[in-house]
Amino acid sequence: MVPEYLQNQFSSVRTLLESGIPTVRNKEGGHGQGAEVTSVPEHLASYTLHLTATNLLFLAKCEEKYS
């Protein structure tokens, strides 16, 4: 689904989605904030949300094309 010339880049993106995105969520909001509610900086939340959305949309469009 991913063009050959994007394989290296996409492998890096895969790593971000598998380890970077969950780490931000776990440390800043979901599990790692502790007993006190913390505020996640908007720029970090925006980065995490947009990175995830971009890759999900890309994969969905690839699947549409090859289905």
PDB file of N, CA and C in Angstrom:
ATOM      1  N   MET A   1       0.816  -1.206   0.000  1.00  0.00           N
ATOM      2  CA  MET A   1       0.000   0.000   0.000  1.00  0.00           C
ATOM      3  C   MET A   1       0.852   1.260   0.000  1.00  0.00           C
ATOM      4  N   VAL A   2       1.968   1.220   0.669  1.00  0.00           N
ATOM      5  CA  VAL A   2       2.836   2.399   0.759  1.00  0.00           C
ATOM      6  C   VAL A   2       3.869   2.312  -0.359  1.00  0.00           C
ATOM      7  N   PRO A   3       4.022   3.377  -1.156  1.00  0.00           N
ATOM      8  CA  PRO A   3       5.003   3.347  -2.245  1.00  0.00           C
ATOM      9  C   PRO A   3       6.410   3.029  -1.730  1.00  0.00           C
ATOM     10  N   GLU A   4       7.170   2.370  -2.562  1.00  0.00           N
ATOM     11  CA  GLU A   4       8.525   1.937  -2.188  1.00  0.00           C
ATOM     12  C   GLU A   4       9.383   3.113  -1.694  1.00  0.00           C
ATOM     13  N   TYR A   5       9.266   4.248  -2.346  1.00  0.00           N
ATOM     14  CA  TYR A   5      10.105   5.394  -1.983  1.00  0.00           C
ATOM     15  C   TYR A   5       9.746   5.997  -0.617  1.00  0.00           C
ATOM     16  N   LEU A   6       8.613   5.591  -0.028  1.00  0.00           N
ATOM     17  CA  LEU A   6       8.228   6.088   1.294  1.00  0.00           C
ATOM     18  C   LEU A   6       8.427   5.060   2.405  1.00  0.00           C
ATOM     19  N   GLN A   7       8.985   3.908   2.085  1.00  0.00           N
ATOM     20  CA  GLN A   7       9.111   2.841   3.076  1.00  0.00           C
ATOM     21  C   GLN A   7       9.929   3.258   4.304  1.00  0.00           C
ATOM     22  N   ASN A   8      11.082   3.879   4.094  1.00  0.00           N
ATOM     23  CA  ASN A   8      11.895   4.304   5.242  1.00  0.00           C
ATOM     24  C   ASN A   8      11.162   5.308   6.112  1.00  0.00           C
ATOM     25  N   GLN A   9      10.565   6.290   5.474  1.00  0.00           N
ATOM     26  CA  GLN A   9       9.826   7.309   6.221  1.00  0.00           C
ATOM     27  C   GLN A   9       8.655   6.672   6.958  1.00  0.00           C
ATOM     28  N   PHE A  10       7.960   5.768   6.283  1.00  0.00           N
ATOM     29  CA  PHE A  10       6.787   5.179   6.911  1.00  0.00           C
ATOM     30  C   PHE A  10       7.164   4.273   8.076  1.00  0.00           C
ATOM     31  N   SER A  11       8.322   3.645   8.007  1.00  0.00           N
ATOM     32  CA  SER A  11       8.795   2.845   9.140  1.00  0.00           C
ATOM     33  C   SER A  11       9.012   3.731  10.359  1.00  0.00           C
ATOM     34  N   SER A  12       9.539   4.923  10.135  1.00  0.00           N
ATOM     35  CA  SER A  12       9.733   5.870  11.235  1.00  0.00           C
ATOM     36  C   SER A  12       8.395   6.335  11.793  1.00  0.00           C
ATOM     37  N   VAL A  13       7.442   6.564  10.919  1.00  0.00           N
ATOM     38  CA  VAL A  13       6.117   6.984  11.359  1.00  0.00           C
ATOM     39  C   VAL A  13       5.463   5.867  12.163  1.00  0.00           C
ATOM     40  N   ARG A  14       5.654   4.639  11.704  1.00  0.00           N
ATOM     41  CA  ARG A  14       5.105   3.491  12.438  1.00  0.00           C
ATOM     42  C   ARG A  14       5.656   3.468  13.868  1.00  0.00           C
ATOM     43  N   THR A  15       6.953   3.707  13.996  1.00  0.00           N
ATOM     44  CA  THR A  15       7.569   3.728  15.320  1.00  0.00           C
ATOM     45  C   THR A  15       6.952   4.831  16.180  1.00  0.00           C
ATOM     46  N   LEU A  16       6.733   6.015  15.579  1.00  0.00           N
ATOM     47  CA  LEU A  16       6.093   7.108  16.321  1.00  0.00           C
ATOM     48  C   LEU A  16       4.702   6.722  16.801  1.00  0.00           C
ATOM     49  N   LEU A  17       3.933   6.070  15.919  1.00  0.00           N
ATOM     50  CA  LEU A  17       2.577   5.683  16.294  1.00  0.00           C
ATOM     51  C   LEU A  17       2.566   4.592  17.355  1.00  0.00           C
ATOM     52  N   GLU A  18       3.530   3.691  17.278  1.00  0.00           N
ATOM     53  CA  GLU A  18       3.563   2.575  18.218  1.00  0.00           C
ATOM     54  C   GLU A  18       4.145   2.946  19.576  1.00  0.00           C
ATOM     55  N   SER A  19       5.097   3.867  19.582  1.00  0.00           N
ATOM     56  CA  SER A  19       5.727   4.185  20.860  1.00  0.00           C
ATOM     57  C   SER A  19       5.584   5.647  21.249  1.00  0.00           C
ATOM     58  N   GLY A  20       5.669   6.562  20.303  1.00  0.00           N
ATOM     59  CA  GLY A  20       5.607   7.984  20.633  1.00  0.00           C
ATOM     60  C   GLY A  20       4.242   8.445  21.072  1.00  0.00           C
ATOM     61  N   ILE A  21       3.225   8.131  20.286  1.00  0.00           N
ATOM     62  CA  ILE A  21       1.868   8.582  20.593  1.00  0.00           C
ATOM     63  C   ILE A  21       1.372   7.980  21.912  1.00  0.00           C
ATOM     64  N   PRO A  22       1.480   6.654  22.100  1.00  0.00           N
ATOM     65  CA  PRO A  22       1.033   6.100  23.383  1.00  0.00           C
ATOM     66  C   PRO A  22       1.817   6.643  24.581  1.00  0.00           C
ATOM     67  N   THR A  23       3.096   6.917  24.398  1.00  0.00           N
ATOM     68  CA  THR A  23       3.905   7.438  25.498  1.00  0.00           C
ATOM     69  C   THR A  23       3.411   8.813  25.919  1.00  0.00           C
ATOM     70  N   VAL A  24       3.135   9.673  24.951  1.00  0.00           N
ATOM     71  CA  VAL A  24       2.617  11.007  25.282  1.00  0.00           C
ATOM     72  C   VAL A  24       1.300  10.868  26.034  1.00  0.00           C
ATOM     73  N   ARG A  25       0.414  10.031  25.528  1.00  0.00           N
ATOM     74  CA  ARG A  25      -0.884   9.844  26.183  1.00  0.00           C
ATOM     75  C   ARG A  25      -0.707   9.306  27.601  1.00  0.00           C
ATOM     76  N   ASN A  26       0.108   8.298  27.733  1.00  0.00           N
ATOM     77  CA  ASN A  26       0.274   7.662  29.042  1.00  0.00           C
ATOM     78  C   ASN A  26       0.950   8.581  30.057  1.00  0.00           C
ATOM     79  N   LYS A  27       1.942   9.337  29.625  1.00  0.00           N
ATOM     80  CA  LYS A  27       2.683  10.200  30.549  1.00  0.00           C
ATOM     81  C   LYS A  27       1.941  11.498  30.866  1.00  0.00           C
ATOM     82  N   GLU A  28       1.225  12.012  29.884  1.00  0.00           N
ATOM     83  CA  GLU A  28       0.605  13.331  30.062  1.00  0.00           C
ATOM     84  C   GLU A  28      -0.863  13.292  30.453  1.00  0.00           C
ATOM     85  N   GLY A  29      -1.554  12.210  30.160  1.00  0.00           N
ATOM     86  CA  GLY A  29      -2.983  12.253  30.408  1.00  0.00           C
ATOM     87  C   GLY A  29      -3.571  10.987  30.968  1.00  0.00           C
ATOM     88  N   GLY A  30      -3.545   9.941  30.200  1.00  0.00           N
ATOM     89  CA  GLY A  30      -4.273   8.734  30.541  1.00  0.00           C
ATOM     90  C   GLY A  30      -3.823   8.036  31.802  1.00  0.00           C
ATOM     91  N   HIS A  31      -2.534   7.732  31.907  1.00  0.00           N
ATOM     92  CA  HIS A  31      -2.082   6.913  33.015  1.00  0.00           C
ATOM     93  C   HIS A  31      -1.022   7.588  33.886  1.00  0.00           C
ATOM     94  N   GLY A  32      -0.253   8.481  33.329  1.00  0.00           N
ATOM     95  CA  GLY A  32       0.915   8.973  34.037  1.00  0.00           C
ATOM     96  C   GLY A  32       0.753  10.251  34.804  1.00  0.00           C
ATOM     97  N   GLN A  33      -0.444  10.792  34.817  1.00  0.00           N
ATOM     98  CA  GLN A  33      -0.580  12.088  35.465  1.00  0.00           C
ATOM     99  C   GLN A  33      -0.618  11.995  36.982  1.00  0.00           C
ATOM    100  N   GLY A  34      -0.844  10.822  37.530  1.00  0.00           N
ATOM    101  CA  GLY A  34      -0.847  10.671  38.980  1.00  0.00           C
ATOM    102  C   GLY A  34      -2.178  11.044  39.604  1.00  0.00           C
ATOM    103  N   ALA A  35      -2.142  11.346  40.879  1.00  0.00           N
ATOM    104  CA  ALA A  35      -3.366  11.631  41.633  1.00  0.00           C
ATOM    105  C   ALA A  35      -3.968  12.990  41.284  1.00  0.00           C
ATOM    106  N   GLU A  36      -3.122  13.926  40.904  1.00  0.00           N
ATOM    107  CA  GLU A  36      -3.611  15.262  40.563  1.00  0.00           C
ATOM    108  C   GLU A  36      -3.792  15.392  39.063  1.00  0.00           C
ATOM    109  N   VAL A  37      -4.900  16.000  38.669  1.00  0.00           N
ATOM    110  CA  VAL A  37      -5.166  16.232  37.252  1.00  0.00           C
ATOM    111  C   VAL A  37      -4.179  17.261  36.728  1.00  0.00           C
ATOM    112  N   THR A  38      -3.518  16.924  35.618  1.00  0.00           N
ATOM    113  CA  THR A  38      -2.569  17.850  35.020  1.00  0.00           C
ATOM    114  C   THR A  38      -3.128  18.404  33.717  1.00  0.00           C
ATOM    115  N   SER A  39      -2.568  19.495  33.294  1.00  0.00           N
ATOM    116  CA  SER A  39      -2.975  20.125  32.049  1.00  0.00           C
ATOM    117  C   SER A  39      -1.930  19.825  30.976  1.00  0.00           C
ATOM    118  N   VAL A  40      -2.370  19.233  29.883  1.00  0.00           N
ATOM    119  CA  VAL A  40      -1.462  18.922  28.774  1.00  0.00           C
ATOM    120  C   VAL A  40      -1.313  20.185  27.931  1.00  0.00           C
ATOM    121  N   PRO A  41      -0.083  20.591  27.607  1.00  0.00           N
ATOM    122  CA  PRO A  41       0.102  21.774  26.782  1.00  0.00           C
ATOM    123  C   PRO A  41      -0.589  21.597  25.418  1.00  0.00           C
ATOM    124  N   GLU A  42      -1.235  22.634  24.958  1.00  0.00           N
ATOM    125  CA  GLU A  42      -1.996  22.563  23.711  1.00  0.00           C
ATOM    126  C   GLU A  42      -1.125  22.123  22.538  1.00  0.00           C
ATOM    127  N   HIS A  43       0.111  22.606  22.462  1.00  0.00           N
ATOM    128  CA  HIS A  43       0.966  22.254  21.328  1.00  0.00           C
ATOM    129  C   HIS A  43       1.290  20.762  21.309  1.00  0.00           C
ATOM    130  N   LEU A  44       1.429  20.156  22.482  1.00  0.00           N
ATOM    131  CA  LEU A  44       1.711  18.725  22.562  1.00  0.00           C
ATOM    132  C   LEU A  44       0.465  17.908  22.206  1.00  0.00           C
ATOM    133  N   ALA A  45      -0.676  18.313  22.699  1.00  0.00           N
ATOM    134  CA  ALA A  45      -1.926  17.628  22.362  1.00  0.00           C
ATOM    135  C   ALA A  45      -2.214  17.744  20.871  1.00  0.00           C
ATOM    136  N   SER A  46      -1.996  18.917  20.307  1.00  0.00           N
ATOM    137  CA  SER A  46      -2.224  19.147  18.885  1.00  0.00           C
ATOM    138  C   SER A  46      -1.299  18.293  18.031  1.00  0.00           C
ATOM    139  N   TYR A  47      -0.036  18.246  18.384  1.00  0.00           N
ATOM    140  CA  TYR A  47       0.936  17.420  17.663  1.00  0.00           C
ATOM    141  C   TYR A  47       0.509  15.947  17.671  1.00  0.00           C
ATOM    142  N   THR A  48       0.159  15.458  18.839  1.00  0.00           N
ATOM    143  CA  THR A  48      -0.226  14.057  18.980  1.00  0.00           C
ATOM    144  C   THR A  48      -1.480  13.751  18.174  1.00  0.00           C
ATOM    145  N   LEU A  49      -2.461  14.601  18.266  1.00  0.00           N
ATOM    146  CA  LEU A  49      -3.715  14.411  17.540  1.00  0.00           C
ATOM    147  C   LEU A  49      -3.505  14.457  16.028  1.00  0.00           C
ATOM    148  N   HIS A  50      -2.774  15.457  15.557  1.00  0.00           N
ATOM    149  CA  HIS A  50      -2.574  15.604  14.113  1.00  0.00           C
ATOM    150  C   HIS A  50      -1.704  14.494  13.525  1.00  0.00           C
ATOM    151  N   LEU A  51      -0.689  14.089  14.243  1.00  0.00           N
ATOM    152  CA  LEU A  51       0.161  12.999  13.757  1.00  0.00           C
ATOM    153  C   LEU A  51      -0.649  11.716  13.608  1.00  0.00           C
ATOM    154  N   THR A  52      -1.463  11.432  14.590  1.00  0.00           N
ATOM    155  CA  THR A  52      -2.302  10.239  14.544  1.00  0.00           C
ATOM    156  C   THR A  52      -3.309  10.332  13.405  1.00  0.00           C
ATOM    157  N   ALA A  53      -4.000  11.453  13.303  1.00  0.00           N
ATOM    158  CA  ALA A  53      -5.025  11.619  12.274  1.00  0.00           C
ATOM    159  C   ALA A  53      -4.444  11.544  10.870  1.00  0.00           C
ATOM    160  N   THR A  54      -3.322  12.174  10.639  1.00  0.00           N
ATOM    161  CA  THR A  54      -2.691  12.162   9.324  1.00  0.00           C
ATOM    162  C   THR A  54      -2.394  10.743   8.871  1.00  0.00           C
ATOM    163  N   ASN A  55      -1.837   9.964   9.752  1.00  0.00           N
ATOM    164  CA  ASN A  55      -1.469   8.600   9.389  1.00  0.00           C
ATOM    165  C   ASN A  55      -2.677   7.693   9.237  1.00  0.00           C
ATOM    166  N   LEU A  56      -3.693   7.876  10.058  1.00  0.00           N
ATOM    167  CA  LEU A  56      -4.909   7.083   9.898  1.00  0.00           C
ATOM    168  C   LEU A  56      -5.604   7.400   8.579  1.00  0.00           C
ATOM    169  N   LEU A  57      -5.678   8.669   8.233  1.00  0.00           N
ATOM    170  CA  LEU A  57      -6.285   9.047   6.954  1.00  0.00           C
ATOM    171  C   LEU A  57      -5.483   8.504   5.770  1.00  0.00           C
ATOM    172  N   PHE A  58      -4.177   8.578   5.849  1.00  0.00           N
ATOM    173  CA  PHE A  58      -3.324   8.047   4.792  1.00  0.00           C
ATOM    174  C   PHE A  58      -3.564   6.551   4.604  1.00  0.00           C
ATOM    175  N   LEU A  59      -3.577   5.793   5.690  1.00  0.00           N
ATOM    176  CA  LEU A  59      -3.792   4.358   5.594  1.00  0.00           C
ATOM    177  C   LEU A  59      -5.195   4.020   5.077  1.00  0.00           C
ATOM    178  N   ALA A  60      -6.184   4.783   5.503  1.00  0.00           N
ATOM    179  CA  ALA A  60      -7.554   4.543   5.022  1.00  0.00           C
ATOM    180  C   ALA A  60      -7.657   4.785   3.520  1.00  0.00           C
ATOM    181  N   LYS A  61      -7.019   5.841   3.031  1.00  0.00           N
ATOM    182  CA  LYS A  61      -7.046   6.129   1.597  1.00  0.00           C
ATOM    183  C   LYS A  61      -6.274   5.077   0.811  1.00  0.00           C
ATOM    184  N   CYS A  62      -5.165   4.595   1.358  1.00  0.00           N
ATOM    185  CA  CYS A  62      -4.419   3.514   0.697  1.00  0.00           C
ATOM    186  C   CYS A  62      -5.280   2.264   0.594  1.00  0.00           C
ATOM    187  N   GLU A  63      -5.967   1.940   1.661  1.00  0.00           N
ATOM    188  CA  GLU A  63      -6.816   0.748   1.655  1.00  0.00           C
ATOM    189  C   GLU A  63      -7.943   0.896   0.637  1.00  0.00           C
ATOM    190  N   GLU A  64      -8.549   2.081   0.560  1.00  0.00           N
ATOM    191  CA  GLU A  64      -9.605   2.332  -0.426  1.00  0.00           C
ATOM    192  C   GLU A  64      -9.103   2.073  -1.837  1.00  0.00           C
ATOM    193  N   LYS A  65      -7.902   2.541  -2.103  1.00  0.00           N
ATOM    194  CA  LYS A  65      -7.346   2.410  -3.439  1.00  0.00           C
ATOM    195  C   LYS A  65      -7.072   0.944  -3.795  1.00  0.00           C
ATOM    196  N   TYR A  66      -6.626   0.156  -2.834  1.00  0.00           N
ATOM    197  CA  TYR A  66      -6.210  -1.215  -3.117  1.00  0.00           C
ATOM    198  C   TYR A  66      -7.291  -2.245  -2.805  1.00  0.00           C
ATOM    199  N   SER A  67      -8.455  -1.805  -2.343  1.00  0.00           N
ATOM    200  CA  SER A  67      -9.551  -2.746  -2.043  1.00  0.00           C
ATOM    201  C   SER A  67     -10.432  -2.962  -3.249  1.00  0.00           C
TER     202      SER A  67
END
